[in-house]
Amino acid sequence: MLQRKIISASIAGSAFAILFCVIVEADSSEILLSIISEIGSFLIFSFSITLIYGIAASILSDAVAWLFTRKSNSASDKLLISGVLHSFFGLLFFYFGLFAALLFFVMDKYLEKKHTHYKWSQAATSLLLPAGIWLLSISIAPLFT
């Protein structure tokens, strides 16, 4: 399960950084330069929170959802409770935290639904996605200045 959470955090954290920078910089006249220069610095900040806090909150949300639904074994109730708790934990970081939490939740549930057993090597490899985006953004940004 932890391996799946790390993969979810890598994908959702990277997508969140890119989407957030696109949304925030949408009114800029030099939108491409603004987005590229901001992604690297924002990714370092947001991904560390997603990786540490997001995974912990997700594990706790899933555990609480399982506790509440263990007798009824209702998959839809478990999904609802887990989604609400993910949203609550995300809201502690305001609207962008909610957005990140929902991205994480959707990605995690998508990967869970695939019923694939993820290996530690896959989890470690998934960390190359945010690292690669960060490296790309810091190497390309000077070209636009």
Protein backbone atom coordinates (compact mmCIF):
# COMPACT_ATOMS: atom_id res chain seq x y z
CA MET A 1 0.00 0.00 0.00
CA LEU A 2 2.78 2.45 0.84
CA GLN A 3 4.34 1.88 -2.57
CA ARG A 4 1.03 2.83 -4.25
CA LYS A 5 0.79 5.95 -2.08
CA ILE A 6 4.31 7.03 -3.11
CA ILE A 7 3.45 6.54 -6.78
CA SER A 8 0.19 8.48 -6.29
CA ALA A 9 2.07 11.29 -4.55
CA SER A 10 4.63 11.48 -7.36
CA ILE A 11 2.01 11.75 -10.08
CA ALA A 12 -0.47 13.94 -8.20
CA GLY A 13 2.24 16.20 -6.75
CA SER A 14 3.78 16.79 -10.17
CA ALA A 15 0.41 17.41 -11.80
CA PHE A 16 -0.58 19.76 -8.98
CA ALA A 17 2.58 21.86 -9.32
CA ILE A 18 2.11 22.23 -13.07
CA LEU A 19 -1.64 22.93 -12.90
CA PHE A 20 -1.26 25.35 -10.00
CA CYS A 21 1.42 27.35 -11.81
CA VAL A 22 -0.69 27.42 -14.98
CA ILE A 23 -3.73 28.68 -13.04
CA VAL A 24 -1.81 31.26 -10.98
CA GLU A 25 0.17 32.60 -13.92
CA ALA A 26 -2.76 32.56 -16.38
CA ASP A 27 -3.05 36.36 -16.36
CA SER A 28 0.63 36.94 -17.08
CA SER A 29 1.61 38.37 -20.44
CA GLU A 30 4.65 36.11 -20.59
CA ILE A 31 2.76 33.03 -19.47
CA LEU A 32 5.24 30.39 -20.65
CA LEU A 33 8.19 32.08 -18.95
CA SER A 34 6.21 32.57 -15.75
CA ILE A 35 5.02 28.98 -15.65
CA ILE A 36 8.41 27.44 -16.38
CA SER A 37 10.24 29.63 -13.87
CA GLU A 38 7.68 28.96 -11.12
CA ILE A 39 7.21 25.20 -11.53
CA GLY A 40 10.64 24.25 -10.22
CA SER A 41 10.47 26.27 -7.04
CA PHE A 42 6.82 25.46 -6.38
CA LEU A 43 7.37 21.76 -7.03
CA ILE A 44 10.05 21.48 -4.36
CA PHE A 45 7.73 23.05 -1.79
CA SER A 46 4.47 21.36 -2.75
CA PHE A 47 5.87 17.92 -3.50
CA SER A 48 7.57 17.64 -0.12
CA ILE A 49 4.24 18.37 1.56
CA THR A 50 2.41 15.93 -0.70
CA LEU A 51 4.99 13.22 -0.12
CA ILE A 52 5.10 13.48 3.68
CA TYR A 53 1.81 14.97 4.82
CA GLY A 54 -0.28 13.71 1.90
CA ILE A 55 0.75 10.09 2.29
CA ALA A 56 0.24 10.17 6.06
CA ALA A 57 -3.19 11.83 5.71
CA SER A 58 -4.17 9.36 2.99
CA ILE A 59 -3.21 6.33 5.07
CA LEU A 60 -5.13 7.76 8.03
CA SER A 61 -8.16 8.56 5.85
CA ASP A 62 -8.24 5.07 4.40
CA ALA A 63 -7.82 3.48 7.84
CA VAL A 64 -10.66 5.51 9.35
CA ALA A 65 -12.87 4.74 6.35
CA TRP A 66 -12.10 1.05 6.75
CA LEU A 67 -12.93 1.18 10.48
CA PHE A 68 -16.30 2.80 9.83
CA THR A 69 -17.24 0.39 7.06
CA ARG A 70 -15.68 -2.89 8.21
CA LYS A 71 -19.04 -4.38 9.31
CA SER A 72 -21.08 -3.24 6.33
CA ASN A 73 -18.20 -3.77 3.88
CA SER A 74 -19.73 -1.09 1.65
CA ALA A 75 -17.22 0.00 -0.97
CA SER A 76 -19.17 3.16 -1.81
CA ASP A 77 -19.37 4.23 1.86
CA LYS A 78 -15.65 3.55 2.26
CA LEU A 79 -14.90 5.64 -0.82
CA LEU A 80 -17.13 8.48 0.39
CA ILE A 81 -15.65 8.57 3.90
CA SER A 82 -12.12 8.39 2.55
CA GLY A 83 -12.85 11.16 0.04
CA VAL A 84 -14.35 13.42 2.69
CA LEU A 85 -11.36 12.87 4.98
CA HIS A 86 -8.89 13.49 2.16
CA SER A 87 -10.74 16.74 1.46
CA PHE A 88 -10.71 17.73 5.13
CA PHE A 89 -6.96 17.14 5.43
CA GLY A 90 -6.43 19.07 2.20
CA LEU A 91 -8.50 22.00 3.42
CA LEU A 92 -6.00 22.53 6.22
CA PHE A 93 -3.88 24.06 3.44
CA PHE A 94 -6.80 26.09 2.05
CA TYR A 95 -8.19 25.80 -1.48
CA PHE A 96 -4.92 24.71 -3.11
CA GLY A 97 -4.53 22.03 -0.45
CA LEU A 98 -8.00 20.78 -1.27
CA PHE A 99 -7.11 20.68 -4.96
CA ALA A 100 -3.91 18.73 -4.22
CA ALA A 101 -5.73 16.35 -1.88
CA LEU A 102 -8.39 15.61 -4.47
CA LEU A 103 -5.75 14.98 -7.15
CA PHE A 104 -3.97 12.62 -4.76
CA PHE A 105 -7.23 10.87 -3.82
CA VAL A 106 -8.29 10.34 -7.44
CA MET A 107 -4.87 9.05 -8.47
CA ASP A 108 -4.63 6.73 -5.45
CA LYS A 109 -8.09 5.26 -6.04
CA TYR A 110 -7.33 4.84 -9.74
CA LEU A 111 -4.14 2.91 -8.95
CA GLU A 112 -5.93 0.91 -6.25
CA LYS A 113 -8.69 -0.06 -8.67
CA LYS A 114 -6.10 -1.54 -11.05
CA HIS A 115 -5.40 -4.21 -8.38
CA THR A 116 -1.70 -4.17 -9.18
CA HIS A 117 0.88 -5.06 -6.57
CA TYR A 118 3.39 -2.22 -6.76
CA LYS A 119 7.03 -2.90 -5.93
CA TRP A 120 9.45 -0.67 -4.07
CA SER A 121 11.45 -0.28 -7.27
CA GLN A 122 8.35 1.16 -8.98
CA ALA A 123 7.77 3.54 -6.09
CA ALA A 124 11.38 4.70 -6.21
CA THR A 125 11.23 5.08 -9.99
CA SER A 126 8.07 7.19 -9.70
CA LEU A 127 10.10 9.75 -7.77
CA LEU A 128 11.96 10.45 -11.00
CA LEU A 129 8.85 12.21 -12.35
CA PRO A 130 8.92 15.20 -9.97
CA ALA A 131 12.72 15.21 -10.02
CA GLY A 132 12.73 15.27 -13.81
CA ILE A 133 10.14 18.05 -13.98
CA TRP A 134 12.16 20.07 -11.48
CA LEU A 135 15.41 19.55 -13.40
CA LEU A 136 13.72 20.41 -16.67
CA SER A 137 12.19 23.59 -15.27
CA ILE A 138 15.42 24.88 -13.75
CA SER A 139 17.40 24.10 -16.89
CA ILE A 140 14.89 25.61 -19.32
CA ALA A 141 13.95 28.73 -17.34
CA PRO A 142 17.27 30.55 -18.00
CA LEU A 143 16.73 30.14 -21.73
CA PHE A 144 13.67 32.40 -21.54
CA THR A 145 15.34 35.24 -19.61
